[in-house]
Amino acid sequence: GLGFSLLLTVLVSIPLYQTFMNTVIYQR
């Protein structure tokens, strides 16, 4: 169950990370 939660966290984090990186790029 912990592993499943961790997997979901990673899957949600991927697009959030991409959005964050785009924000950094556009701010630069």
mmCIF file of all heavy atoms, coordinates in Angstrom:
data_MODEL
# 
_entry.id   MODEL 
# 
loop_
_atom_site.group_PDB 
_atom_site.id 
_atom_site.type_symbol 
_atom_site.label_atom_id 
_atom_site.label_alt_id 
_atom_site.label_comp_id 
_atom_site.label_asym_id 
_atom_site.label_entity_id 
_atom_site.label_seq_id 
_atom_site.pdbx_PDB_ins_code 
_atom_site.Cartn_x 
_atom_site.Cartn_y 
_atom_site.Cartn_z 
_atom_site.occupancy 
_atom_site.B_iso_or_equiv 
_atom_site.pdbx_formal_charge 
_atom_site.auth_seq_id 
_atom_site.auth_comp_id 
_atom_site.auth_asym_id 
_atom_site.auth_atom_id 
_atom_site.pdbx_PDB_model_num 
ATOM 1   N N   . GLY A 1 1  ? 0.826  -1.214 0.000   1.00 0.00 ? 1  GLY A N   1 
ATOM 2   C CA  . GLY A 1 1  ? 0.000  0.000  0.000   1.00 0.00 ? 1  GLY A CA  1 
ATOM 3   C C   . GLY A 1 1  ? 0.852  1.252  0.000   1.00 0.00 ? 1  GLY A C   1 
ATOM 4   O O   . GLY A 1 1  ? 0.560  2.222  -0.707  1.00 0.00 ? 1  GLY A O   1 
ATOM 5   N N   . LEU A 1 2  ? 1.924  1.230  0.786   1.00 0.00 ? 2  LEU A N   1 
ATOM 6   C CA  . LEU A 1 2  ? 2.846  2.347  0.815   1.00 0.00 ? 2  LEU A CA  1 
ATOM 7   C C   . LEU A 1 2  ? 3.526  2.517  -0.546  1.00 0.00 ? 2  LEU A C   1 
ATOM 8   O O   . LEU A 1 2  ? 3.678  3.630  -1.040  1.00 0.00 ? 2  LEU A O   1 
ATOM 9   C CB  . LEU A 1 2  ? 3.887  2.136  1.905   1.00 0.00 ? 2  LEU A CB  1 
ATOM 10  C CG  . LEU A 1 2  ? 4.887  3.253  2.136   1.00 0.00 ? 2  LEU A CG  1 
ATOM 11  C CD1 . LEU A 1 2  ? 4.186  4.530  2.569   1.00 0.00 ? 2  LEU A CD1 1 
ATOM 12  C CD2 . LEU A 1 2  ? 5.894  2.826  3.181   1.00 0.00 ? 2  LEU A CD2 1 
ATOM 13  N N   . GLY A 1 3  ? 3.889  1.395  -1.149  1.00 0.00 ? 3  GLY A N   1 
ATOM 14  C CA  . GLY A 1 3  ? 4.504  1.440  -2.474  1.00 0.00 ? 3  GLY A CA  1 
ATOM 15  C C   . GLY A 1 3  ? 3.550  2.001  -3.525  1.00 0.00 ? 3  GLY A C   1 
ATOM 16  O O   . GLY A 1 3  ? 3.955  2.781  -4.383  1.00 0.00 ? 3  GLY A O   1 
ATOM 17  N N   . PHE A 1 4  ? 2.267  1.608  -3.428  1.00 0.00 ? 4  PHE A N   1 
ATOM 18  C CA  . PHE A 1 4  ? 1.262  2.120  -4.369  1.00 0.00 ? 4  PHE A CA  1 
ATOM 19  C C   . PHE A 1 4  ? 1.102  3.629  -4.187  1.00 0.00 ? 4  PHE A C   1 
ATOM 20  O O   . PHE A 1 4  ? 1.040  4.371  -5.167  1.00 0.00 ? 4  PHE A O   1 
ATOM 21  C CB  . PHE A 1 4  ? -0.069 1.397  -4.148  1.00 0.00 ? 4  PHE A CB  1 
ATOM 22  C CG  . PHE A 1 4  ? -1.143 1.822  -5.094  1.00 0.00 ? 4  PHE A CG  1 
ATOM 23  C CD1 . PHE A 1 4  ? -1.085 1.487  -6.436  1.00 0.00 ? 4  PHE A CD1 1 
ATOM 24  C CD2 . PHE A 1 4  ? -2.216 2.568  -4.645  1.00 0.00 ? 4  PHE A CD2 1 
ATOM 25  C CE1 . PHE A 1 4  ? -2.069 1.879  -7.316  1.00 0.00 ? 4  PHE A CE1 1 
ATOM 26  C CE2 . PHE A 1 4  ? -3.212 2.969  -5.510  1.00 0.00 ? 4  PHE A CE2 1 
ATOM 27  C CZ  . PHE A 1 4  ? -3.142 2.626  -6.853  1.00 0.00 ? 4  PHE A CZ  1 
ATOM 28  N N   . SER A 1 5  ? 1.064  4.079  -2.929  1.00 0.00 ? 5  SER A N   1 
ATOM 29  C CA  . SER A 1 5  ? 0.968  5.516  -2.666  1.00 0.00 ? 5  SER A CA  1 
ATOM 30  C C   . SER A 1 5  ? 2.186  6.255  -3.197  1.00 0.00 ? 5  SER A C   1 
ATOM 31  O O   . SER A 1 5  ? 2.073  7.337  -3.772  1.00 0.00 ? 5  SER A O   1 
ATOM 32  C CB  . SER A 1 5  ? 0.829  5.773  -1.160  1.00 0.00 ? 5  SER A CB  1 
ATOM 33  O OG  . SER A 1 5  ? -0.349 5.194  -0.678  1.00 0.00 ? 5  SER A OG  1 
ATOM 34  N N   . LEU A 1 6  ? 3.352  5.651  -3.010  1.00 0.00 ? 6  LEU A N   1 
ATOM 35  C CA  . LEU A 1 6  ? 4.584  6.248  -3.515  1.00 0.00 ? 6  LEU A CA  1 
ATOM 36  C C   . LEU A 1 6  ? 4.570  6.329  -5.041  1.00 0.00 ? 6  LEU A C   1 
ATOM 37  O O   . LEU A 1 6  ? 4.957  7.341  -5.625  1.00 0.00 ? 6  LEU A O   1 
ATOM 38  C CB  . LEU A 1 6  ? 5.793  5.456  -3.033  1.00 0.00 ? 6  LEU A CB  1 
ATOM 39  C CG  . LEU A 1 6  ? 7.164  6.004  -3.400  1.00 0.00 ? 6  LEU A CG  1 
ATOM 40  C CD1 . LEU A 1 6  ? 7.371  7.373  -2.782  1.00 0.00 ? 6  LEU A CD1 1 
ATOM 41  C CD2 . LEU A 1 6  ? 8.246  5.060  -2.938  1.00 0.00 ? 6  LEU A CD2 1 
ATOM 42  N N   . LEU A 1 7  ? 4.085  5.262  -5.687  1.00 0.00 ? 7  LEU A N   1 
ATOM 43  C CA  . LEU A 1 7  ? 3.991  5.262  -7.145  1.00 0.00 ? 7  LEU A CA  1 
ATOM 44  C C   . LEU A 1 7  ? 3.050  6.365  -7.634  1.00 0.00 ? 7  LEU A C   1 
ATOM 45  O O   . LEU A 1 7  ? 3.372  7.088  -8.578  1.00 0.00 ? 7  LEU A O   1 
ATOM 46  C CB  . LEU A 1 7  ? 3.509  3.895  -7.643  1.00 0.00 ? 7  LEU A CB  1 
ATOM 47  C CG  . LEU A 1 7  ? 3.278  3.777  -9.146  1.00 0.00 ? 7  LEU A CG  1 
ATOM 48  C CD1 . LEU A 1 7  ? 4.591  3.920  -9.903  1.00 0.00 ? 7  LEU A CD1 1 
ATOM 49  C CD2 . LEU A 1 7  ? 2.609  2.473  -9.487  1.00 0.00 ? 7  LEU A CD2 1 
ATOM 50  N N   . LEU A 1 8  ? 1.893  6.510  -6.987  1.00 0.00 ? 8  LEU A N   1 
ATOM 51  C CA  . LEU A 1 8  ? 0.965  7.577  -7.369  1.00 0.00 ? 8  LEU A CA  1 
ATOM 52  C C   . LEU A 1 8  ? 1.588  8.957  -7.159  1.00 0.00 ? 8  LEU A C   1 
ATOM 53  O O   . LEU A 1 8  ? 1.416  9.850  -7.995  1.00 0.00 ? 8  LEU A O   1 
ATOM 54  C CB  . LEU A 1 8  ? -0.332 7.462  -6.565  1.00 0.00 ? 8  LEU A CB  1 
ATOM 55  C CG  . LEU A 1 8  ? -1.269 6.336  -6.975  1.00 0.00 ? 8  LEU A CG  1 
ATOM 56  C CD1 . LEU A 1 8  ? -2.482 6.304  -6.053  1.00 0.00 ? 8  LEU A CD1 1 
ATOM 57  C CD2 . LEU A 1 8  ? -1.718 6.489  -8.416  1.00 0.00 ? 8  LEU A CD2 1 
ATOM 58  N N   . THR A 1 9  ? 2.321  9.102  -6.072  1.00 0.00 ? 9  THR A N   1 
ATOM 59  C CA  . THR A 1 9  ? 2.994  10.375 -5.815  1.00 0.00 ? 9  THR A CA  1 
ATOM 60  C C   . THR A 1 9  ? 3.997  10.700 -6.916  1.00 0.00 ? 9  THR A C   1 
ATOM 61  O O   . THR A 1 9  ? 4.070  11.834 -7.388  1.00 0.00 ? 9  THR A O   1 
ATOM 62  C CB  . THR A 1 9  ? 3.697  10.333 -4.440  1.00 0.00 ? 9  THR A CB  1 
ATOM 63  O OG1 . THR A 1 9  ? 2.723  10.053 -3.437  1.00 0.00 ? 9  THR A OG1 1 
ATOM 64  C CG2 . THR A 1 9  ? 4.401  11.640 -4.139  1.00 0.00 ? 9  THR A CG2 1 
ATOM 65  N N   . VAL A 1 10 ? 4.753  9.693  -7.326  1.00 0.00 ? 10 VAL A N   1 
ATOM 66  C CA  . VAL A 1 10 ? 5.729  9.899  -8.401  1.00 0.00 ? 10 VAL A CA  1 
ATOM 67  C C   . VAL A 1 10 ? 5.018  10.251 -9.709  1.00 0.00 ? 10 VAL A C   1 
ATOM 68  O O   . VAL A 1 10 ? 5.431  11.172 -10.421 1.00 0.00 ? 10 VAL A O   1 
ATOM 69  C CB  . VAL A 1 10 ? 6.624  8.653  -8.573  1.00 0.00 ? 10 VAL A CB  1 
ATOM 70  C CG1 . VAL A 1 10 ? 7.436  8.735  -9.854  1.00 0.00 ? 10 VAL A CG1 1 
ATOM 71  C CG2 . VAL A 1 10 ? 7.537  8.491  -7.382  1.00 0.00 ? 10 VAL A CG2 1 
ATOM 72  N N   . LEU A 1 11 ? 3.922  9.533  -10.003 1.00 0.00 ? 11 LEU A N   1 
ATOM 73  C CA  . LEU A 1 11 ? 3.202  9.794  -11.248 1.00 0.00 ? 11 LEU A CA  1 
ATOM 74  C C   . LEU A 1 11 ? 2.602  11.198 -11.271 1.00 0.00 ? 11 LEU A C   1 
ATOM 75  O O   . LEU A 1 11 ? 2.582  11.847 -12.316 1.00 0.00 ? 11 LEU A O   1 
ATOM 76  C CB  . LEU A 1 11 ? 2.116  8.742  -11.465 1.00 0.00 ? 11 LEU A CB  1 
ATOM 77  C CG  . LEU A 1 11 ? 2.626  7.335  -11.793 1.00 0.00 ? 11 LEU A CG  1 
ATOM 78  C CD1 . LEU A 1 11 ? 1.451  6.363  -11.889 1.00 0.00 ? 11 LEU A CD1 1 
ATOM 79  C CD2 . LEU A 1 11 ? 3.426  7.332  -13.082 1.00 0.00 ? 11 LEU A CD2 1 
ATOM 80  N N   . VAL A 1 12 ? 2.122  11.673 -10.133 1.00 0.00 ? 12 VAL A N   1 
ATOM 81  C CA  . VAL A 1 12 ? 1.580  13.031 -10.068 1.00 0.00 ? 12 VAL A CA  1 
ATOM 82  C C   . VAL A 1 12 ? 2.707  14.053 -10.094 1.00 0.00 ? 12 VAL A C   1 
ATOM 83  O O   . VAL A 1 12 ? 2.560  15.140 -10.664 1.00 0.00 ? 12 VAL A O   1 
ATOM 84  C CB  . VAL A 1 12 ? 0.715  13.198 -8.790  1.00 0.00 ? 12 VAL A CB  1 
ATOM 85  C CG1 . VAL A 1 12 ? 0.368  14.644 -8.537  1.00 0.00 ? 12 VAL A CG1 1 
ATOM 86  C CG2 . VAL A 1 12 ? -0.547 12.360 -8.898  1.00 0.00 ? 12 VAL A CG2 1 
ATOM 87  N N   . SER A 1 13 ? 3.845  13.697 -9.526  1.00 0.00 ? 13 SER A N   1 
ATOM 88  C CA  . SER A 1 13 ? 4.971  14.630 -9.452  1.00 0.00 ? 13 SER A CA  1 
ATOM 89  C C   . SER A 1 13 ? 5.603  14.910 -10.812 1.00 0.00 ? 13 SER A C   1 
ATOM 90  O O   . SER A 1 13 ? 6.147  15.994 -11.011 1.00 0.00 ? 13 SER A O   1 
ATOM 91  C CB  . SER A 1 13 ? 6.042  14.086 -8.505  1.00 0.00 ? 13 SER A CB  1 
ATOM 92  O OG  . SER A 1 13 ? 5.534  13.988 -7.207  1.00 0.00 ? 13 SER A OG  1 
ATOM 93  N N   . ILE A 1 14 ? 5.531  13.962 -11.714 1.00 0.00 ? 14 ILE A N   1 
ATOM 94  C CA  . ILE A 1 14 ? 6.160  14.151 -13.028 1.00 0.00 ? 14 ILE A CA  1 
ATOM 95  C C   . ILE A 1 14 ? 5.573  15.353 -13.769 1.00 0.00 ? 14 ILE A C   1 
ATOM 96  O O   . ILE A 1 14 ? 6.314  16.253 -14.170 1.00 0.00 ? 14 ILE A O   1 
ATOM 97  C CB  . ILE A 1 14 ? 6.104  12.859 -13.865 1.00 0.00 ? 14 ILE A CB  1 
ATOM 98  C CG1 . ILE A 1 14 ? 7.008  11.798 -13.232 1.00 0.00 ? 14 ILE A CG1 1 
ATOM 99  C CG2 . ILE A 1 14 ? 6.507  13.124 -15.319 1.00 0.00 ? 14 ILE A CG2 1 
ATOM 100 C CD1 . ILE A 1 14 ? 6.843  10.422 -13.822 1.00 0.00 ? 14 ILE A CD1 1 
ATOM 101 N N   . PRO A 1 15 ? 4.235  15.432 -13.961 1.00 0.00 ? 15 PRO A N   1 
ATOM 102 C CA  . PRO A 1 15 ? 3.723  16.629 -14.648 1.00 0.00 ? 15 PRO A CA  1 
ATOM 103 C C   . PRO A 1 15 ? 3.893  17.906 -13.825 1.00 0.00 ? 15 PRO A C   1 
ATOM 104 O O   . PRO A 1 15 ? 4.096  18.981 -14.383 1.00 0.00 ? 15 PRO A O   1 
ATOM 105 C CB  . PRO A 1 15 ? 2.244  16.314 -14.895 1.00 0.00 ? 15 PRO A CB  1 
ATOM 106 C CG  . PRO A 1 15 ? 1.909  15.161 -14.038 1.00 0.00 ? 15 PRO A CG  1 
ATOM 107 C CD  . PRO A 1 15 ? 3.176  14.448 -13.727 1.00 0.00 ? 15 PRO A CD  1 
ATOM 108 N N   . LEU A 1 16 ? 3.825  17.781 -12.484 1.00 0.00 ? 16 LEU A N   1 
ATOM 109 C CA  . LEU A 1 16 ? 4.042  18.968 -11.653 1.00 0.00 ? 16 LEU A CA  1 
ATOM 110 C C   . LEU A 1 16 ? 5.476  19.476 -11.805 1.00 0.00 ? 16 LEU A C   1 
ATOM 111 O O   . LEU A 1 16 ? 5.705  20.685 -11.867 1.00 0.00 ? 16 LEU A O   1 
ATOM 112 C CB  . LEU A 1 16 ? 3.748  18.652 -10.185 1.00 0.00 ? 16 LEU A CB  1 
ATOM 113 C CG  . LEU A 1 16 ? 2.286  18.406 -9.839  1.00 0.00 ? 16 LEU A CG  1 
ATOM 114 C CD1 . LEU A 1 16 ? 2.146  17.998 -8.387  1.00 0.00 ? 16 LEU A CD1 1 
ATOM 115 C CD2 . LEU A 1 16 ? 1.437  19.627 -10.152 1.00 0.00 ? 16 LEU A CD2 1 
ATOM 116 N N   . TYR A 1 17 ? 6.423  18.557 -11.883 1.00 0.00 ? 17 TYR A N   1 
ATOM 117 C CA  . TYR A 1 17 ? 7.812  18.947 -12.083 1.00 0.00 ? 17 TYR A CA  1 
ATOM 118 C C   . TYR A 1 17 ? 7.986  19.625 -13.441 1.00 0.00 ? 17 TYR A C   1 
ATOM 119 O O   . TYR A 1 17 ? 8.674  20.639 -13.550 1.00 0.00 ? 17 TYR A O   1 
ATOM 120 C CB  . TYR A 1 17 ? 8.730  17.726 -11.974 1.00 0.00 ? 17 TYR A CB  1 
ATOM 121 C CG  . TYR A 1 17 ? 10.174 18.030 -12.270 1.00 0.00 ? 17 TYR A CG  1 
ATOM 122 C CD1 . TYR A 1 17 ? 10.967 18.665 -11.331 1.00 0.00 ? 17 TYR A CD1 1 
ATOM 123 C CD2 . TYR A 1 17 ? 10.731 17.714 -13.508 1.00 0.00 ? 17 TYR A CD2 1 
ATOM 124 C CE1 . TYR A 1 17 ? 12.292 18.967 -11.603 1.00 0.00 ? 17 TYR A CE1 1 
ATOM 125 C CE2 . TYR A 1 17 ? 12.057 18.014 -13.781 1.00 0.00 ? 17 TYR A CE2 1 
ATOM 126 C CZ  . TYR A 1 17 ? 12.824 18.638 -12.829 1.00 0.00 ? 17 TYR A CZ  1 
ATOM 127 O OH  . TYR A 1 17 ? 14.134 18.942 -13.112 1.00 0.00 ? 17 TYR A OH  1 
ATOM 128 N N   . GLN A 1 18 ? 7.348  19.070 -14.469 1.00 0.00 ? 18 GLN A N   1 
ATOM 129 C CA  . GLN A 1 18 ? 7.447  19.663 -15.800 1.00 0.00 ? 18 GLN A CA  1 
ATOM 130 C C   . GLN A 1 18 ? 6.847  21.067 -15.816 1.00 0.00 ? 18 GLN A C   1 
ATOM 131 O O   . GLN A 1 18 ? 7.414  21.981 -16.400 1.00 0.00 ? 18 GLN A O   1 
ATOM 132 C CB  . GLN A 1 18 ? 6.750  18.765 -16.837 1.00 0.00 ? 18 GLN A CB  1 
ATOM 133 C CG  . GLN A 1 18 ? 6.944  19.226 -18.250 1.00 0.00 ? 18 GLN A CG  1 
ATOM 134 C CD  . GLN A 1 18 ? 8.400  19.232 -18.664 1.00 0.00 ? 18 GLN A CD  1 
ATOM 135 O OE1 . GLN A 1 18 ? 9.148  18.338 -18.347 1.00 0.00 ? 18 GLN A OE1 1 
ATOM 136 N NE2 . GLN A 1 18 ? 8.808  20.258 -19.378 1.00 0.00 ? 18 GLN A NE2 1 
ATOM 137 N N   . THR A 1 19 ? 5.712  21.233 -15.136 1.00 0.00 ? 19 THR A N   1 
ATOM 138 C CA  . THR A 1 19 ? 5.092  22.551 -15.059 1.00 0.00 ? 19 THR A CA  1 
ATOM 139 C C   . THR A 1 19 ? 6.000  23.527 -14.319 1.00 0.00 ? 19 THR A C   1 
ATOM 140 O O   . THR A 1 19 ? 6.165  24.676 -14.722 1.00 0.00 ? 19 THR A O   1 
ATOM 141 C CB  . THR A 1 19 ? 3.732  22.457 -14.342 1.00 0.00 ? 19 THR A CB  1 
ATOM 142 O OG1 . THR A 1 19 ? 2.891  21.562 -15.074 1.00 0.00 ? 19 THR A OG1 1 
ATOM 143 C CG2 . THR A 1 19 ? 3.056  23.806 -14.248 1.00 0.00 ? 19 THR A CG2 1 
ATOM 144 N N   . PHE A 1 20 ? 6.602  23.057 -13.228 1.00 0.00 ? 20 PHE A N   1 
ATOM 145 C CA  . PHE A 1 20 ? 7.528  23.897 -12.472 1.00 0.00 ? 20 PHE A CA  1 
ATOM 146 C C   . PHE A 1 20 ? 8.713  24.319 -13.343 1.00 0.00 ? 20 PHE A C   1 
ATOM 147 O O   . PHE A 1 20 ? 9.112  25.481 -13.340 1.00 0.00 ? 20 PHE A O   1 
ATOM 148 C CB  . PHE A 1 20 ? 8.012  23.155 -11.227 1.00 0.00 ? 20 PHE A CB  1 
ATOM 149 C CG  . PHE A 1 20 ? 9.100  23.872 -10.483 1.00 0.00 ? 20 PHE A CG  1 
ATOM 150 C CD1 . PHE A 1 20 ? 8.817  25.002 -9.734  1.00 0.00 ? 20 PHE A CD1 1 
ATOM 151 C CD2 . PHE A 1 20 ? 10.413 23.435 -10.549 1.00 0.00 ? 20 PHE A CD2 1 
ATOM 152 C CE1 . PHE A 1 20 ? 9.823  25.673 -9.058  1.00 0.00 ? 20 PHE A CE1 1 
ATOM 153 C CE2 . PHE A 1 20 ? 11.419 24.100 -9.878  1.00 0.00 ? 20 PHE A CE2 1 
ATOM 154 C CZ  . PHE A 1 20 ? 11.122 25.224 -9.130  1.00 0.00 ? 20 PHE A CZ  1 
ATOM 155 N N   . MET A 1 21 ? 9.286  23.363 -14.074 1.00 0.00 ? 21 MET A N   1 
ATOM 156 C CA  . MET A 1 21 ? 10.430 23.690 -14.927 1.00 0.00 ? 21 MET A CA  1 
ATOM 157 C C   . MET A 1 21 ? 10.034 24.688 -16.019 1.00 0.00 ? 21 MET A C   1 
ATOM 158 O O   . MET A 1 21 ? 10.806 25.592 -16.342 1.00 0.00 ? 21 MET A O   1 
ATOM 159 C CB  . MET A 1 21 ? 11.019 22.414 -15.538 1.00 0.00 ? 21 MET A CB  1 
ATOM 160 C CG  . MET A 1 21 ? 11.726 21.530 -14.526 1.00 0.00 ? 21 MET A CG  1 
ATOM 161 S SD  . MET A 1 21 ? 12.937 22.389 -13.500 1.00 0.00 ? 21 MET A SD  1 
ATOM 162 C CE  . MET A 1 21 ? 14.129 22.929 -14.699 1.00 0.00 ? 21 MET A CE  1 
ATOM 163 N N   . ASN A 1 22 ? 8.833  24.514 -16.593 1.00 0.00 ? 22 ASN A N   1 
ATOM 164 C CA  . ASN A 1 22 ? 8.362  25.481 -17.594 1.00 0.00 ? 22 ASN A CA  1 
ATOM 165 C C   . ASN A 1 22 ? 8.218  26.867 -16.980 1.00 0.00 ? 22 ASN A C   1 
ATOM 166 O O   . ASN A 1 22 ? 8.572  27.869 -17.604 1.00 0.00 ? 22 ASN A O   1 
ATOM 167 C CB  . ASN A 1 22 ? 7.033  25.028 -18.194 1.00 0.00 ? 22 ASN A CB  1 
ATOM 168 C CG  . ASN A 1 22 ? 7.213  23.895 -19.172 1.00 0.00 ? 22 ASN A CG  1 
ATOM 169 O OD1 . ASN A 1 22 ? 8.301  23.646 -19.671 1.00 0.00 ? 22 ASN A OD1 1 
ATOM 170 N ND2 . ASN A 1 22 ? 6.140  23.175 -19.440 1.00 0.00 ? 22 ASN A ND2 1 
ATOM 171 N N   . THR A 1 23 ? 7.707  26.922 -15.749 1.00 0.00 ? 23 THR A N   1 
ATOM 172 C CA  . THR A 1 23 ? 7.563  28.212 -15.065 1.00 0.00 ? 23 THR A CA  1 
ATOM 173 C C   . THR A 1 23 ? 8.916  28.869 -14.883 1.00 0.00 ? 23 THR A C   1 
ATOM 174 O O   . THR A 1 23 ? 9.077  30.071 -15.120 1.00 0.00 ? 23 THR A O   1 
ATOM 175 C CB  . THR A 1 23 ? 6.871  28.018 -13.698 1.00 0.00 ? 23 THR A CB  1 
ATOM 176 O OG1 . THR A 1 23 ? 5.591  27.417 -13.908 1.00 0.00 ? 23 THR A OG1 1 
ATOM 177 C CG2 . THR A 1 23 ? 6.714  29.329 -12.966 1.00 0.00 ? 23 THR A CG2 1 
ATOM 178 N N   . VAL A 1 24 ? 9.908  28.083 -14.481 1.00 0.00 ? 24 VAL A N   1 
ATOM 179 C CA  . VAL A 1 24 ? 11.269 28.616 -14.304 1.00 0.00 ? 24 VAL A CA  1 
ATOM 180 C C   . VAL A 1 24 ? 11.805 29.129 -15.636 1.00 0.00 ? 24 VAL A C   1 
ATOM 181 O O   . VAL A 1 24 ? 12.374 30.229 -15.706 1.00 0.00 ? 24 VAL A O   1 
ATOM 182 C CB  . VAL A 1 24 ? 12.203 27.536 -13.710 1.00 0.00 ? 24 VAL A CB  1 
ATOM 183 C CG1 . VAL A 1 24 ? 13.655 27.970 -13.771 1.00 0.00 ? 24 VAL A CG1 1 
ATOM 184 C CG2 . VAL A 1 24 ? 11.795 27.217 -12.283 1.00 0.00 ? 24 VAL A CG2 1 
ATOM 185 N N   . ILE A 1 25 ? 11.605 28.369 -16.686 1.00 0.00 ? 25 ILE A N   1 
ATOM 186 C CA  . ILE A 1 25 ? 12.096 28.775 -18.013 1.00 0.00 ? 25 ILE A CA  1 
ATOM 187 C C   . ILE A 1 25 ? 11.430 30.079 -18.450 1.00 0.00 ? 25 ILE A C   1 
ATOM 188 O O   . ILE A 1 25 ? 12.102 31.011 -18.911 1.00 0.00 ? 25 ILE A O   1 
ATOM 189 C CB  . ILE A 1 25 ? 11.849 27.657 -19.049 1.00 0.00 ? 25 ILE A CB  1 
ATOM 190 C CG1 . ILE A 1 25 ? 12.779 26.472 -18.773 1.00 0.00 ? 25 ILE A CG1 1 
ATOM 191 C CG2 . ILE A 1 25 ? 12.038 28.182 -20.471 1.00 0.00 ? 25 ILE A CG2 1 
ATOM 192 C CD1 . ILE A 1 25 ? 12.429 25.221 -19.533 1.00 0.00 ? 25 ILE A CD1 1 
ATOM 193 N N   . TYR A 1 26 ? 10.103 30.164 -18.289 1.00 0.00 ? 26 TYR A N   1 
ATOM 194 C CA  . TYR A 1 26 ? 9.393  31.368 -18.723 1.00 0.00 ? 26 TYR A CA  1 
ATOM 195 C C   . TYR A 1 26 ? 9.741  32.569 -17.850 1.00 0.00 ? 26 TYR A C   1 
ATOM 196 O O   . TYR A 1 26 ? 9.829  33.699 -18.344 1.00 0.00 ? 26 TYR A O   1 
ATOM 197 C CB  . TYR A 1 26 ? 7.891  31.124 -18.769 1.00 0.00 ? 26 TYR A CB  1 
ATOM 198 C CG  . TYR A 1 26 ? 7.532  30.132 -19.852 1.00 0.00 ? 26 TYR A CG  1 
ATOM 199 C CD1 . TYR A 1 26 ? 6.850  28.967 -19.564 1.00 0.00 ? 26 TYR A CD1 1 
ATOM 200 C CD2 . TYR A 1 26 ? 7.923  30.346 -21.162 1.00 0.00 ? 26 TYR A CD2 1 
ATOM 201 C CE1 . TYR A 1 26 ? 6.551  28.048 -20.557 1.00 0.00 ? 26 TYR A CE1 1 
ATOM 202 C CE2 . TYR A 1 26 ? 7.630  29.434 -22.167 1.00 0.00 ? 26 TYR A CE2 1 
ATOM 203 C CZ  . TYR A 1 26 ? 6.945  28.284 -21.850 1.00 0.00 ? 26 TYR A CZ  1 
ATOM 204 O OH  . TYR A 1 26 ? 6.659  27.380 -22.832 1.00 0.00 ? 26 TYR A OH  1 
ATOM 205 N N   . GLN A 1 27 ? 10.011 32.363 -16.562 1.00 0.00 ? 27 GLN A N   1 
ATOM 206 C CA  . GLN A 1 27 ? 10.439 33.477 -15.712 1.00 0.00 ? 27 GLN A CA  1 
ATOM 207 C C   . GLN A 1 27 ? 11.814 33.984 -16.142 1.00 0.00 ? 27 GLN A C   1 
ATOM 208 O O   . GLN A 1 27 ? 12.070 35.189 -16.108 1.00 0.00 ? 27 GLN A O   1 
ATOM 209 C CB  . GLN A 1 27 ? 10.458 33.064 -14.243 1.00 0.00 ? 27 GLN A CB  1 
ATOM 210 C CG  . GLN A 1 27 ? 9.085  32.968 -13.632 1.00 0.00 ? 27 GLN A CG  1 
ATOM 211 C CD  . GLN A 1 27 ? 9.125  32.519 -12.187 1.00 0.00 ? 27 GLN A CD  1 
ATOM 212 O OE1 . GLN A 1 27 ? 10.124 32.001 -11.708 1.00 0.00 ? 27 GLN A OE1 1 
ATOM 213 N NE2 . GLN A 1 27 ? 8.013  32.703 -11.487 1.00 0.00 ? 27 GLN A NE2 1 
ATOM 214 N N   . ARG A 1 28 ? 12.693 33.079 -16.526 1.00 0.00 ? 28 ARG A N   1 
ATOM 215 C CA  . ARG A 1 28 ? 14.012 33.505 -17.014 1.00 0.00 ? 28 ARG A CA  1 
ATOM 216 C C   . ARG A 1 28 ? 13.871 34.329 -18.295 1.00 0.00 ? 28 ARG A C   1 
ATOM 217 O O   . ARG A 1 28 ? 14.569 35.327 -18.482 1.00 0.00 ? 28 ARG A O   1 
ATOM 218 C CB  . ARG A 1 28 ? 14.902 32.298 -17.267 1.00 0.00 ? 28 ARG A CB  1 
ATOM 219 C CG  . ARG A 1 28 ? 15.432 31.679 -16.009 1.00 0.00 ? 28 ARG A CG  1 
ATOM 220 C CD  . ARG A 1 28 ? 16.333 30.504 -16.302 1.00 0.00 ? 28 ARG A CD  1 
ATOM 221 N NE  . ARG A 1 28 ? 16.741 29.856 -15.062 1.00 0.00 ? 28 ARG A NE  1 
ATOM 222 C CZ  . ARG A 1 28 ? 17.119 28.612 -14.967 1.00 0.00 ? 28 ARG A CZ  1 
ATOM 223 N NH1 . ARG A 1 28 ? 17.182 27.852 -16.056 1.00 0.00 ? 28 ARG A NH1 1 
ATOM 224 N NH2 . ARG A 1 28 ? 17.456 28.092 -13.813 1.00 0.00 ? 28 ARG A NH2 1 
# 
